[in-house]
Amino acid sequence: MTSSNLTTRVTRRTAAAVAVLALGGGWLGGAPGAAGVLAGGALALGSFRWLAARVVAVSAGSSMSSTWIAVTGLRLAAVAVLAALAFAGGWVHPIALLVGYTVLPVAVVMQGLRLAREESGSWT
């Protein structure tokens, strides 16, 4: 499986799970609950897609330099600033944002386990 396939599968699964969880967030927390789940999922997916693109670029032969590390720090700072702005504006519920952001690591682990099972040949 190529990194592009992995990125696409993780993105699709995360987006689907975030959409379902946003319905639950809306039911429990109203508009801030749904918006929080959607915002958390969007922040996580944006960060993940950026990181995946950088990994592809580095594996294709680009040198890994100190600027890459600085840009990674800026990416994390941008995620923190966007989350803080959403909290300060009262548009999202903090727990709902955390729920949306947490969907991505679960999707990555599930995809990794599925690929490991495929490679080992055990489908039981």
PDB file of N, CA and C in Angstrom:
ATOM      1  N   MET A   1       0.845  -1.177   0.000  1.00  0.00           N
ATOM      2  CA  MET A   1       0.000   0.000   0.000  1.00  0.00           C
ATOM      3  C   MET A   1       0.886   1.234   0.000  1.00  0.00           C
ATOM      4  N   THR A   2       0.548   2.174  -0.831  1.00  0.00           N
ATOM      5  CA  THR A   2       1.322   3.406  -0.902  1.00  0.00           C
ATOM      6  C   THR A   2       0.867   4.370   0.193  1.00  0.00           C
ATOM      7  N   SER A   3       1.707   5.358   0.433  1.00  0.00           N
ATOM      8  CA  SER A   3       1.349   6.340   1.455  1.00  0.00           C
ATOM      9  C   SER A   3       0.121   7.140   1.017  1.00  0.00           C
ATOM     10  N   SER A   4      -0.055   7.319  -0.275  1.00  0.00           N
ATOM     11  CA  SER A   4      -1.229   8.032  -0.773  1.00  0.00           C
ATOM     12  C   SER A   4      -2.504   7.250  -0.469  1.00  0.00           C
ATOM     13  N   ASN A   5      -2.461   5.937  -0.661  1.00  0.00           N
ATOM     14  CA  ASN A   5      -3.620   5.095  -0.340  1.00  0.00           C
ATOM     15  C   ASN A   5      -3.920   5.134   1.149  1.00  0.00           C
ATOM     16  N   LEU A   6      -2.868   5.064   1.954  1.00  0.00           N
ATOM     17  CA  LEU A   6      -3.049   5.112   3.400  1.00  0.00           C
ATOM     18  C   LEU A   6      -3.671   6.441   3.811  1.00  0.00           C
ATOM     19  N   THR A   7      -3.154   7.529   3.281  1.00  0.00           N
ATOM     20  CA  THR A   7      -3.675   8.851   3.612  1.00  0.00           C
ATOM     21  C   THR A   7      -5.138   8.975   3.201  1.00  0.00           C
ATOM     22  N   THR A   8      -5.467   8.481   2.026  1.00  0.00           N
ATOM     23  CA  THR A   8      -6.845   8.553   1.543  1.00  0.00           C
ATOM     24  C   THR A   8      -7.779   7.731   2.415  1.00  0.00           C
ATOM     25  N   ARG A   9      -7.379   6.516   2.754  1.00  0.00           N
ATOM     26  CA  ARG A   9      -8.240   5.662   3.583  1.00  0.00           C
ATOM     27  C   ARG A   9      -8.449   6.250   4.973  1.00  0.00           C
ATOM     28  N   VAL A  10      -7.367   6.743   5.572  1.00  0.00           N
ATOM     29  CA  VAL A  10      -7.488   7.337   6.899  1.00  0.00           C
ATOM     30  C   VAL A  10      -8.364   8.588   6.836  1.00  0.00           C
ATOM     31  N   THR A  11      -8.201   9.388   5.803  1.00  0.00           N
ATOM     32  CA  THR A  11      -9.011  10.596   5.658  1.00  0.00           C
ATOM     33  C   THR A  11     -10.488  10.249   5.523  1.00  0.00           C
ATOM     34  N   ARG A  12     -10.804   9.278   4.690  1.00  0.00           N
ATOM     35  CA  ARG A  12     -12.205   8.890   4.496  1.00  0.00           C
ATOM     36  C   ARG A  12     -12.825   8.341   5.772  1.00  0.00           C
ATOM     37  N   ARG A  13     -12.103   7.469   6.451  1.00  0.00           N
ATOM     38  CA  ARG A  13     -12.643   6.884   7.681  1.00  0.00           C
ATOM     39  C   ARG A  13     -12.812   7.933   8.770  1.00  0.00           C
ATOM     40  N   THR A  14     -11.858   8.821   8.866  1.00  0.00           N
ATOM     41  CA  THR A  14     -11.950   9.875   9.871  1.00  0.00           C
ATOM     42  C   THR A  14     -13.114  10.804   9.573  1.00  0.00           C
ATOM     43  N   ALA A  15     -13.255  11.199   8.318  1.00  0.00           N
ATOM     44  CA  ALA A  15     -14.352  12.096   7.948  1.00  0.00           C
ATOM     45  C   ALA A  15     -15.711  11.457   8.220  1.00  0.00           C
ATOM     46  N   ALA A  16     -15.838  10.181   7.909  1.00  0.00           N
ATOM     47  CA  ALA A  16     -17.112   9.487   8.155  1.00  0.00           C
ATOM     48  C   ALA A  16     -17.401   9.404   9.656  1.00  0.00           C
ATOM     49  N   ALA A  17     -16.399   9.049  10.436  1.00  0.00           N
ATOM     50  CA  ALA A  17     -16.597   8.946  11.883  1.00  0.00           C
ATOM     51  C   ALA A  17     -16.896  10.307  12.507  1.00  0.00           C
ATOM     52  N   VAL A  18     -16.221  11.345  12.030  1.00  0.00           N
ATOM     53  CA  VAL A  18     -16.467  12.692  12.561  1.00  0.00           C
ATOM     54  C   VAL A  18     -17.893  13.132  12.235  1.00  0.00           C
ATOM     55  N   ALA A  19     -18.366  12.820  11.041  1.00  0.00           N
ATOM     56  CA  ALA A  19     -19.734  13.193  10.674  1.00  0.00           C
ATOM     57  C   ALA A  19     -20.748  12.524  11.592  1.00  0.00           C
ATOM     58  N   VAL A  20     -20.545  11.253  11.876  1.00  0.00           N
ATOM     59  CA  VAL A  20     -21.464  10.536  12.770  1.00  0.00           C
ATOM     60  C   VAL A  20     -21.370  11.095  14.183  1.00  0.00           C
ATOM     61  N   LEU A  21     -20.158  11.323  14.651  1.00  0.00           N
ATOM     62  CA  LEU A  21     -19.984  11.863  16.000  1.00  0.00           C
ATOM     63  C   LEU A  21     -20.510  13.288  16.126  1.00  0.00           C
ATOM     64  N   ALA A  22     -20.474  14.053  15.032  1.00  0.00           N
ATOM     65  CA  ALA A  22     -21.012  15.413  15.071  1.00  0.00           C
ATOM     66  C   ALA A  22     -22.520  15.387  15.308  1.00  0.00           C
ATOM     67  N   LEU A  23     -23.198  14.392  14.775  1.00  0.00           N
ATOM     68  CA  LEU A  23     -24.631  14.257  15.047  1.00  0.00           C
ATOM     69  C   LEU A  23     -24.865  14.033  16.533  1.00  0.00           C
ATOM     70  N   GLY A  24     -24.064  13.146  17.120  1.00  0.00           N
ATOM     71  CA  GLY A  24     -24.171  12.913  18.560  1.00  0.00           C
ATOM     72  C   GLY A  24     -23.783  14.144  19.362  1.00  0.00           C
ATOM     73  N   GLY A  25     -22.753  14.849  18.917  1.00  0.00           N
ATOM     74  CA  GLY A  25     -22.347  16.072  19.596  1.00  0.00           C
ATOM     75  C   GLY A  25     -23.421  17.133  19.525  1.00  0.00           C
ATOM     76  N   GLY A  26     -24.099  17.207  18.400  1.00  0.00           N
ATOM     77  CA  GLY A  26     -25.201  18.149  18.258  1.00  0.00           C
ATOM     78  C   GLY A  26     -26.367  17.792  19.155  1.00  0.00           C
ATOM     79  N   TRP A  27     -26.633  16.514  19.289  1.00  0.00           N
ATOM     80  CA  TRP A  27     -27.722  16.068  20.149  1.00  0.00           C
ATOM     81  C   TRP A  27     -27.406  16.353  21.609  1.00  0.00           C
ATOM     82  N   LEU A  28     -26.159  16.098  22.015  1.00  0.00           N
ATOM     83  CA  LEU A  28     -25.775  16.311  23.413  1.00  0.00           C
ATOM     84  C   LEU A  28     -25.477  17.764  23.749  1.00  0.00           C
ATOM     85  N   GLY A  29     -24.780  18.448  22.860  1.00  0.00           N
ATOM     86  CA  GLY A  29     -24.305  19.782  23.193  1.00  0.00           C
ATOM     87  C   GLY A  29     -24.823  20.887  22.305  1.00  0.00           C
ATOM     88  N   GLY A  30     -25.792  20.600  21.475  1.00  0.00           N
ATOM     89  CA  GLY A  30     -26.317  21.628  20.584  1.00  0.00           C
ATOM     90  C   GLY A  30     -25.321  21.997  19.506  1.00  0.00           C
ATOM     91  N   ALA A  31     -25.452  23.211  19.005  1.00  0.00           N
ATOM     92  CA  ALA A  31     -24.580  23.669  17.919  1.00  0.00           C
ATOM     93  C   ALA A  31     -23.103  23.703  18.328  1.00  0.00           C
ATOM     94  N   PRO A  32     -22.761  24.153  19.550  1.00  0.00           N
ATOM     95  CA  PRO A  32     -21.334  24.123  19.921  1.00  0.00           C
ATOM     96  C   PRO A  32     -20.764  22.699  19.992  1.00  0.00           C
ATOM     97  N   GLY A  33     -21.599  21.732  20.346  1.00  0.00           N
ATOM     98  CA  GLY A  33     -21.139  20.345  20.386  1.00  0.00           C
ATOM     99  C   GLY A  33     -20.842  19.806  19.002  1.00  0.00           C
ATOM    100  N   ALA A  34     -21.759  20.034  18.077  1.00  0.00           N
ATOM    101  CA  ALA A  34     -21.547  19.576  16.699  1.00  0.00           C
ATOM    102  C   ALA A  34     -20.386  20.321  16.057  1.00  0.00           C
ATOM    103  N   ALA A  35     -20.341  21.633  16.263  1.00  0.00           N
ATOM    104  CA  ALA A  35     -19.247  22.421  15.686  1.00  0.00           C
ATOM    105  C   ALA A  35     -17.903  22.019  16.274  1.00  0.00           C
ATOM    106  N   GLY A  36     -17.887  21.678  17.548  1.00  0.00           N
ATOM    107  CA  GLY A  36     -16.649  21.248  18.180  1.00  0.00           C
ATOM    108  C   GLY A  36     -16.107  19.961  17.583  1.00  0.00           C
ATOM    109  N   VAL A  37     -16.981  19.000  17.383  1.00  0.00           N
ATOM    110  CA  VAL A  37     -16.545  17.728  16.783  1.00  0.00           C
ATOM    111  C   VAL A  37     -16.056  17.967  15.360  1.00  0.00           C
ATOM    112  N   LEU A  38     -16.800  18.753  14.598  1.00  0.00           N
ATOM    113  CA  LEU A  38     -16.388  19.030  13.222  1.00  0.00           C
ATOM    114  C   LEU A  38     -15.075  19.811  13.175  1.00  0.00           C
ATOM    115  N   ALA A  39     -14.923  20.796  14.054  1.00  0.00           N
ATOM    116  CA  ALA A  39     -13.686  21.581  14.079  1.00  0.00           C
ATOM    117  C   ALA A  39     -12.499  20.722  14.491  1.00  0.00           C
ATOM    118  N   GLY A  40     -12.680  19.872  15.484  1.00  0.00           N
ATOM    119  CA  GLY A  40     -11.599  18.982  15.907  1.00  0.00           C
ATOM    120  C   GLY A  40     -11.189  18.026  14.804  1.00  0.00           C
ATOM    121  N   GLY A  41     -12.175  17.464  14.114  1.00  0.00           N
ATOM    122  CA  GLY A  41     -11.872  16.571  13.000  1.00  0.00           C
ATOM    123  C   GLY A  41     -11.168  17.296  11.869  1.00  0.00           C
ATOM    124  N   ALA A  42     -11.616  18.517  11.568  1.00  0.00           N
ATOM    125  CA  ALA A  42     -10.991  19.289  10.492  1.00  0.00           C
ATOM    126  C   ALA A  42      -9.550  19.668  10.850  1.00  0.00           C
ATOM    127  N   LEU A  43      -9.319  20.074  12.091  1.00  0.00           N
ATOM    128  CA  LEU A  43      -7.951  20.399  12.515  1.00  0.00           C
ATOM    129  C   LEU A  43      -7.043  19.174  12.443  1.00  0.00           C
ATOM    130  N   ALA A  44      -7.550  18.047  12.901  1.00  0.00           N
ATOM    131  CA  ALA A  44      -6.747  16.820  12.877  1.00  0.00           C
ATOM    132  C   ALA A  44      -6.445  16.389  11.445  1.00  0.00           C
ATOM    133  N   LEU A  45      -7.459  16.418  10.583  1.00  0.00           N
ATOM    134  CA  LEU A  45      -7.239  16.009   9.194  1.00  0.00           C
ATOM    135  C   LEU A  45      -6.308  16.958   8.455  1.00  0.00           C
ATOM    136  N   GLY A  46      -6.453  18.241   8.679  1.00  0.00           N
ATOM    137  CA  GLY A  46      -5.548  19.198   8.040  1.00  0.00           C
ATOM    138  C   GLY A  46      -4.106  18.984   8.465  1.00  0.00           C
ATOM    139  N   SER A  47      -3.913  18.772   9.743  1.00  0.00           N
ATOM    140  CA  SER A  47      -2.574  18.530  10.265  1.00  0.00           C
ATOM    141  C   SER A  47      -1.997  17.219   9.723  1.00  0.00           C
ATOM    142  N   PHE A  48      -2.843  16.188   9.680  1.00  0.00           N
ATOM    143  CA  PHE A  48      -2.410  14.881   9.186  1.00  0.00           C
ATOM    144  C   PHE A  48      -2.043  14.930   7.709  1.00  0.00           C
ATOM    145  N   ARG A  49      -2.875  15.595   6.912  1.00  0.00           N
ATOM    146  CA  ARG A  49      -2.596  15.666   5.469  1.00  0.00           C
ATOM    147  C   ARG A  49      -1.319  16.458   5.201  1.00  0.00           C
ATOM    148  N   TRP A  50      -1.081  17.515   5.978  1.00  0.00           N
ATOM    149  CA  TRP A  50       0.151  18.284   5.821  1.00  0.00           C
ATOM    150  C   TRP A  50       1.349  17.400   6.178  1.00  0.00           C
ATOM    151  N   LEU A  51       1.246  16.693   7.277  1.00  0.00           N
ATOM    152  CA  LEU A  51       2.345  15.823   7.699  1.00  0.00           C
ATOM    153  C   LEU A  51       2.592  14.717   6.676  1.00  0.00           C
ATOM    154  N   ALA A  52       1.538  14.133   6.138  1.00  0.00           N
ATOM    155  CA  ALA A  52       1.688  13.079   5.133  1.00  0.00           C
ATOM    156  C   ALA A  52       2.369  13.612   3.876  1.00  0.00           C
ATOM    157  N   ALA A  53       2.022  14.819   3.466  1.00  0.00           N
ATOM    158  CA  ALA A  53       2.663  15.413   2.287  1.00  0.00           C
ATOM    159  C   ALA A  53       4.148  15.663   2.543  1.00  0.00           C
ATOM    160  N   ARG A  54       4.493  16.084   3.735  1.00  0.00           N
ATOM    161  CA  ARG A  54       5.901  16.316   4.068  1.00  0.00           C
ATOM    162  C   ARG A  54       6.676  14.991   4.110  1.00  0.00           C
ATOM    163  N   VAL A  55       6.072  13.951   4.613  1.00  0.00           N
ATOM    164  CA  VAL A  55       6.734  12.641   4.660  1.00  0.00           C
ATOM    165  C   VAL A  55       6.991  12.146   3.250  1.00  0.00           C
ATOM    166  N   VAL A  56       6.026  12.320   2.353  1.00  0.00           N
ATOM    167  CA  VAL A  56       6.212  11.911   0.955  1.00  0.00           C
ATOM    168  C   VAL A  56       7.350  12.709   0.336  1.00  0.00           C
ATOM    169  N   ALA A  57       7.406  14.004   0.600  1.00  0.00           N
ATOM    170  CA  ALA A  57       8.465  14.844   0.034  1.00  0.00           C
ATOM    171  C   ALA A  57       9.832  14.429   0.555  1.00  0.00           C
ATOM    172  N   VAL A  58       9.934  14.135   1.835  1.00  0.00           N
ATOM    173  CA  VAL A  58      11.219  13.719   2.408  1.00  0.00           C
ATOM    174  C   VAL A  58      11.627  12.355   1.867  1.00  0.00           C
ATOM    175  N   SER A  59      10.673  11.443   1.739  1.00  0.00           N
ATOM    176  CA  SER A  59      11.022  10.107   1.236  1.00  0.00           C
ATOM    177  C   SER A  59      11.369  10.135  -0.249  1.00  0.00           C
ATOM    178  N   ALA A  60      10.927  11.167  -0.968  1.00  0.00           N
ATOM    179  CA  ALA A  60      11.236  11.284  -2.393  1.00  0.00           C
ATOM    180  C   ALA A  60      12.618  11.865  -2.646  1.00  0.00           C
ATOM    181  N   GLY A  61      13.279  12.286  -1.604  1.00  0.00           N
ATOM    182  CA  GLY A  61      14.641  12.754  -1.788  1.00  0.00           C
ATOM    183  C   GLY A  61      14.917  14.140  -1.259  1.00  0.00           C
ATOM    184  N   SER A  62      13.900  14.869  -0.834  1.00  0.00           N
ATOM    185  CA  SER A  62      14.158  16.167  -0.239  1.00  0.00           C
ATOM    186  C   SER A  62      14.935  15.978   1.058  1.00  0.00           C
ATOM    187  N   SER A  63      15.812  16.882   1.309  1.00  0.00           N
ATOM    188  CA  SER A  63      16.582  16.757   2.543  1.00  0.00           C
ATOM    189  C   SER A  63      15.751  17.250   3.719  1.00  0.00           C
ATOM    190  N   MET A  64      15.911  16.577   4.832  1.00  0.00           N
ATOM    191  CA  MET A  64      15.222  16.975   6.045  1.00  0.00           C
ATOM    192  C   MET A  64      16.092  18.006   6.740  1.00  0.00           C
ATOM    193  N   SER A  65      15.620  19.213   6.806  1.00  0.00           N
ATOM    194  CA  SER A  65      16.439  20.288   7.348  1.00  0.00           C
ATOM    195  C   SER A  65      15.804  20.866   8.599  1.00  0.00           C
ATOM    196  N   SER A  66      16.504  21.832   9.164  1.00  0.00           N
ATOM    197  CA  SER A  66      15.987  22.480  10.359  1.00  0.00           C
ATOM    198  C   SER A  66      14.734  23.298  10.044  1.00  0.00           C
ATOM    199  N   THR A  67      14.575  23.718   8.797  1.00  0.00           N
ATOM    200  CA  THR A  67      13.355  24.445   8.448  1.00  0.00           C
ATOM    201  C   THR A  67      12.138  23.545   8.529  1.00  0.00           C
ATOM    202  N   TRP A  68      12.309  22.257   8.229  1.00  0.00           N
ATOM    203  CA  TRP A  68      11.203  21.315   8.331  1.00  0.00           C
ATOM    204  C   TRP A  68      10.740  21.228   9.778  1.00  0.00           C
ATOM    205  N   ILE A  69      11.686  21.201  10.704  1.00  0.00           N
ATOM    206  CA  ILE A  69      11.346  21.135  12.119  1.00  0.00           C
ATOM    207  C   ILE A  69      10.652  22.424  12.552  1.00  0.00           C
ATOM    208  N   ALA A  70      11.136  23.566  12.071  1.00  0.00           N
ATOM    209  CA  ALA A  70      10.517  24.842  12.418  1.00  0.00           C
ATOM    210  C   ALA A  70       9.100  24.927  11.874  1.00  0.00           C
ATOM    211  N   VAL A  71       8.898  24.470  10.654  1.00  0.00           N
ATOM    212  CA  VAL A  71       7.567  24.510  10.053  1.00  0.00           C
ATOM    213  C   VAL A  71       6.624  23.561  10.787  1.00  0.00           C
ATOM    214  N   THR A  72       7.131  22.452  11.254  1.00  0.00           N
ATOM    215  CA  THR A  72       6.313  21.530  12.041  1.00  0.00           C
ATOM    216  C   THR A  72       5.863  22.193  13.330  1.00  0.00           C
ATOM    217  N   GLY A  73       6.768  22.899  13.970  1.00  0.00           N
ATOM    218  CA  GLY A  73       6.395  23.655  15.169  1.00  0.00           C
ATOM    219  C   GLY A  73       5.350  24.713  14.879  1.00  0.00           C
ATOM    220  N   LEU A  74       5.484  25.387  13.747  1.00  0.00           N
ATOM    221  CA  LEU A  74       4.492  26.384  13.359  1.00  0.00           C
ATOM    222  C   LEU A  74       3.137  25.746  13.071  1.00  0.00           C
ATOM    223  N   ARG A  75       3.150  24.550  12.502  1.00  0.00           N
ATOM    224  CA  ARG A  75       1.894  23.832  12.238  1.00  0.00           C
ATOM    225  C   ARG A  75       1.178  23.541  13.548  1.00  0.00           C
ATOM    226  N   LEU A  76       1.914  23.065  14.527  1.00  0.00           N
ATOM    227  CA  LEU A  76       1.305  22.777  15.821  1.00  0.00           C
ATOM    228  C   LEU A  76       0.823  24.059  16.502  1.00  0.00           C
ATOM    229  N   ALA A  77       1.584  25.131  16.362  1.00  0.00           N
ATOM    230  CA  ALA A  77       1.160  26.414  16.925  1.00  0.00           C
ATOM    231  C   ALA A  77      -0.107  26.911  16.239  1.00  0.00           C
ATOM    232  N   ALA A  78      -0.199  26.719  14.928  1.00  0.00           N
ATOM    233  CA  ALA A  78      -1.397  27.141  14.197  1.00  0.00           C
ATOM    234  C   ALA A  78      -2.625  26.361  14.669  1.00  0.00           C
ATOM    235  N   VAL A  79      -2.471  25.073  14.902  1.00  0.00           N
ATOM    236  CA  VAL A  79      -3.585  24.264  15.410  1.00  0.00           C
ATOM    237  C   VAL A  79      -4.009  24.780  16.781  1.00  0.00           C
ATOM    238  N   ALA A  80      -3.044  25.087  17.637  1.00  0.00           N
ATOM    239  CA  ALA A  80      -3.356  25.590  18.969  1.00  0.00           C
ATOM    240  C   ALA A  80      -4.054  26.952  18.900  1.00  0.00           C
ATOM    241  N   VAL A  81      -3.593  27.825  18.029  1.00  0.00           N
ATOM    242  CA  VAL A  81      -4.204  29.151  17.898  1.00  0.00           C
ATOM    243  C   VAL A  81      -5.631  29.033  17.367  1.00  0.00           C
ATOM    244  N   LEU A  82      -5.836  28.200  16.370  1.00  0.00           N
ATOM    245  CA  LEU A  82      -7.185  28.023  15.824  1.00  0.00           C
ATOM    246  C   LEU A  82      -8.137  27.440  16.867  1.00  0.00           C
ATOM    247  N   ALA A  83      -7.661  26.487  17.641  1.00  0.00           N
ATOM    248  CA  ALA A  83      -8.497  25.921  18.705  1.00  0.00           C
ATOM    249  C   ALA A  83      -8.799  26.976  19.765  1.00  0.00           C
ATOM    250  N   ALA A  84      -7.802  27.770  20.140  1.00  0.00           N
ATOM    251  CA  ALA A  84      -8.014  28.820  21.145  1.00  0.00           C
ATOM    252  C   ALA A  84      -9.012  29.863  20.658  1.00  0.00           C
ATOM    253  N   LEU A  85      -8.919  30.229  19.386  1.00  0.00           N
ATOM    254  CA  LEU A  85      -9.872  31.191  18.828  1.00  0.00           C
ATOM    255  C   LEU A  85     -11.298  30.638  18.839  1.00  0.00           C
ATOM    256  N   ALA A  86     -11.419  29.361  18.517  1.00  0.00           N
ATOM    257  CA  ALA A  86     -12.746  28.743  18.533  1.00  0.00           C
ATOM    258  C   ALA A  86     -13.300  28.681  19.953  1.00  0.00           C
ATOM    259  N   PHE A  87     -12.447  28.387  20.937  1.00  0.00           N
ATOM    260  CA  PHE A  87     -12.882  28.366  22.338  1.00  0.00           C
ATOM    261  C   PHE A  87     -13.279  29.766  22.796  1.00  0.00           C
ATOM    262  N   ALA A  88     -12.426  30.747  22.511  1.00  0.00           N
ATOM    263  CA  ALA A  88     -12.665  32.117  22.963  1.00  0.00           C
ATOM    264  C   ALA A  88     -13.936  32.686  22.354  1.00  0.00           C
ATOM    265  N   GLY A  89     -14.218  32.338  21.130  1.00  0.00           N
ATOM    266  CA  GLY A  89     -15.428  32.822  20.472  1.00  0.00           C
ATOM    267  C   GLY A  89     -16.688  32.128  20.948  1.00  0.00           C
ATOM    268  N   GLY A  90     -16.530  31.018  21.675  1.00  0.00           N
ATOM    269  CA  GLY A  90     -17.684  30.278  22.156  1.00  0.00           C
ATOM    270  C   GLY A  90     -18.381  29.466  21.088  1.00  0.00           C
ATOM    271  N   TRP A  91     -17.703  29.263  19.965  1.00  0.00           N
ATOM    272  CA  TRP A  91     -18.307  28.546  18.847  1.00  0.00           C
ATOM    273  C   TRP A  91     -18.304  27.041  19.046  1.00  0.00           C
ATOM    274  N   VAL A  92     -17.354  26.552  19.835  1.00  0.00           N
ATOM    275  CA  VAL A  92     -17.216  25.102  20.003  1.00  0.00           C
ATOM    276  C   VAL A  92     -17.122  24.753  21.485  1.00  0.00           C
ATOM    277  N   HIS A  93     -17.530  23.547  21.784  1.00  0.00           N
ATOM    278  CA  HIS A  93     -17.362  23.031  23.134  1.00  0.00           C
ATOM    279  C   HIS A  93     -16.001  22.338  23.199  1.00  0.00           C
ATOM    280  N   PRO A  94     -15.199  22.629  24.225  1.00  0.00           N
ATOM    281  CA  PRO A  94     -13.843  22.065  24.284  1.00  0.00           C
ATOM    282  C   PRO A  94     -13.796  20.535  24.258  1.00  0.00           C
ATOM    283  N   ILE A  95     -14.706  19.891  24.961  1.00  0.00           N
ATOM    284  CA  ILE A  95     -14.692  18.423  24.977  1.00  0.00           C
ATOM    285  C   ILE A  95     -15.082  17.882  23.604  1.00  0.00           C
ATOM    286  N   ALA A  96     -16.016  18.543  22.954  1.00  0.00           N
ATOM    287  CA  ALA A  96     -16.422  18.106  21.613  1.00  0.00           C
ATOM    288  C   ALA A  96     -15.262  18.248  20.631  1.00  0.00           C
ATOM    289  N   LEU A  97     -14.496  19.335  20.743  1.00  0.00           N
ATOM    290  CA  LEU A  97     -13.331  19.502  19.873  1.00  0.00           C
ATOM    291  C   LEU A  97     -12.318  18.385  20.119  1.00  0.00           C
ATOM    292  N   LEU A  98     -12.118  18.035  21.371  1.00  0.00           N
ATOM    293  CA  LEU A  98     -11.195  16.951  21.706  1.00  0.00           C
ATOM    294  C   LEU A  98     -11.678  15.615  21.142  1.00  0.00           C
ATOM    295  N   VAL A  99     -12.976  15.393  21.201  1.00  0.00           N
ATOM    296  CA  VAL A  99     -13.531  14.158  20.625  1.00  0.00           C
ATOM    297  C   VAL A  99     -13.258  14.106  19.123  1.00  0.00           C
ATOM    298  N   GLY A 100     -13.514  15.203  18.437  1.00  0.00           N
ATOM    299  CA  GLY A 100     -13.263  15.243  17.000  1.00  0.00           C
ATOM    300  C   GLY A 100     -11.796  15.064  16.662  1.00  0.00           C
ATOM    301  N   TYR A 101     -10.924  15.659  17.472  1.00  0.00           N
ATOM    302  CA  TYR A 101      -9.485  15.560  17.219  1.00  0.00           C
ATOM    303  C   TYR A 101      -8.968  14.154  17.497  1.00  0.00           C
ATOM    304  N   THR A 102      -9.608  13.437  18.389  1.00  0.00           N
ATOM    305  CA  THR A 102      -9.158  12.103  18.789  1.00  0.00           C
ATOM    306  C   THR A 102      -9.526  11.031  17.773  1.00  0.00           C
ATOM    307  N   VAL A 103     -10.441  11.316  16.883  1.00  0.00           N
ATOM    308  CA  VAL A 103     -10.868  10.318  15.899  1.00  0.00           C
ATOM    309  C   VAL A 103      -9.711   9.924  14.986  1.00  0.00           C
ATOM    310  N   LEU A 104      -8.872  10.865  14.611  1.00  0.00           N
ATOM    311  CA  LEU A 104      -7.781  10.583  13.668  1.00  0.00           C
ATOM    312  C   LEU A 104      -6.802   9.531  14.189  1.00  0.00           C
ATOM    313  N   PRO A 105      -6.266   9.657  15.411  1.00  0.00           N
ATOM    314  CA  PRO A 105      -5.342   8.608  15.867  1.00  0.00           C
ATOM    315  C   PRO A 105      -5.981   7.228  15.910  1.00  0.00           C
ATOM    316  N   VAL A 106      -7.250   7.167  16.259  1.00  0.00           N
ATOM    317  CA  VAL A 106      -7.952   5.877  16.271  1.00  0.00           C
ATOM    318  C   VAL A 106      -8.019   5.314  14.854  1.00  0.00           C
ATOM    319  N   ALA A 107      -8.324   6.155  13.879  1.00  0.00           N
ATOM    320  CA  ALA A 107      -8.394   5.697  12.485  1.00  0.00           C
ATOM    321  C   ALA A 107      -7.030   5.236  11.983  1.00  0.00           C
ATOM    322  N   VAL A 108      -5.965   5.934  12.366  1.00  0.00           N
ATOM    323  CA  VAL A 108      -4.617   5.534  11.943  1.00  0.00           C
ATOM    324  C   VAL A 108      -4.250   4.173  12.542  1.00  0.00           C
ATOM    325  N   VAL A 109      -4.538   3.979  13.823  1.00  0.00           N
ATOM    326  CA  VAL A 109      -4.224   2.693  14.472  1.00  0.00           C
ATOM    327  C   VAL A 109      -5.049   1.570  13.849  1.00  0.00           C
ATOM    328  N   MET A 110      -6.325   1.811  13.611  1.00  0.00           N
ATOM    329  CA  MET A 110      -7.165   0.774  13.005  1.00  0.00           C
ATOM    330  C   MET A 110      -6.666   0.398  11.615  1.00  0.00           C
ATOM    331  N   GLN A 111      -6.268   1.403  10.835  1.00  0.00           N
ATOM    332  CA  GLN A 111      -5.738   1.126   9.496  1.00  0.00           C
ATOM    333  C   GLN A 111      -4.430   0.346   9.587  1.00  0.00           C
ATOM    334  N   GLY A 112      -3.575   0.705  10.529  1.00  0.00           N
ATOM    335  CA  GLY A 112      -2.318  -0.022  10.713  1.00  0.00           C
ATOM    336  C   GLY A 112      -2.548  -1.469  11.110  1.00  0.00           C
ATOM    337  N   LEU A 113      -3.493  -1.701  12.002  1.00  0.00           N
ATOM    338  CA  LEU A 113      -3.808  -3.074  12.406  1.00  0.00           C
ATOM    339  C   LEU A 113      -4.380  -3.871  11.245  1.00  0.00           C
ATOM    340  N   ARG A 114      -5.218  -3.228  10.437  1.00  0.00           N
ATOM    341  CA  ARG A 114      -5.785  -3.915   9.272  1.00  0.00           C
ATOM    342  C   ARG A 114      -4.697  -4.294   8.282  1.00  0.00           C
ATOM    343  N   LEU A 115      -3.755  -3.385   8.039  1.00  0.00           N
ATOM    344  CA  LEU A 115      -2.653  -3.672   7.119  1.00  0.00           C
ATOM    345  C   LEU A 115      -1.739  -4.769   7.664  1.00  0.00           C
ATOM    346  N   ALA A 116      -1.496  -4.757   8.961  1.00  0.00           N
ATOM    347  CA  ALA A 116      -0.666  -5.804   9.558  1.00  0.00           C
ATOM    348  C   ALA A 116      -1.329  -7.165   9.425  1.00  0.00           C
ATOM    349  N   ARG A 117      -2.641  -7.194   9.596  1.00  0.00           N
ATOM    350  CA  ARG A 117      -3.367  -8.450   9.451  1.00  0.00           C
ATOM    351  C   ARG A 117      -3.334  -8.937   8.021  1.00  0.00           C
ATOM    352  N   GLU A 118      -3.439  -8.010   7.058  1.00  0.00           N
ATOM    353  CA  GLU A 118      -3.373  -8.386   5.636  1.00  0.00           C
ATOM    354  C   GLU A 118      -1.999  -8.934   5.288  1.00  0.00           C
ATOM    355  N   GLU A 119      -0.947  -8.296   5.790  1.00  0.00           N
ATOM    356  CA  GLU A 119       0.414  -8.748   5.473  1.00  0.00           C
ATOM    357  C   GLU A 119       0.730 -10.093   6.099  1.00  0.00           C
ATOM    358  N   SER A 120       0.179 -10.359   7.281  1.00  0.00           N
ATOM    359  CA  SER A 120       0.470 -11.633   7.926  1.00  0.00           C
ATOM    360  C   SER A 120      -0.374 -12.756   7.329  1.00  0.00           C
ATOM    361  N   GLY A 121      -1.426 -12.396   6.627  1.00  0.00           N
ATOM    362  CA  GLY A 121      -2.259 -13.413   5.991  1.00  0.00           C
ATOM    363  C   GLY A 121      -3.309 -14.011   6.888  1.00  0.00           C
ATOM    364  N   SER A 122      -3.473 -13.480   8.098  1.00  0.00           N
ATOM    365  CA  SER A 122      -4.490 -14.035   9.015  1.00  0.00           C
ATOM    366  C   SER A 122      -5.725 -13.167   8.964  1.00  0.00           C
ATOM    367  N   TRP A 123      -6.820 -13.742   8.482  1.00  0.00           N
ATOM    368  CA  TRP A 123      -8.084 -13.029   8.383  1.00  0.00           C
ATOM    369  C   TRP A 123      -9.121 -13.593   9.332  1.00  0.00           C
ATOM    370  N   THR A 124      -8.671 -14.147  10.446  1.00  0.00           N
ATOM    371  CA  THR A 124      -9.632 -14.708  11.393  1.00  0.00           C
ATOM    372  C   THR A 124     -10.014 -13.753  12.449  1.00  0.00           C
TER     373      THR A 124
END
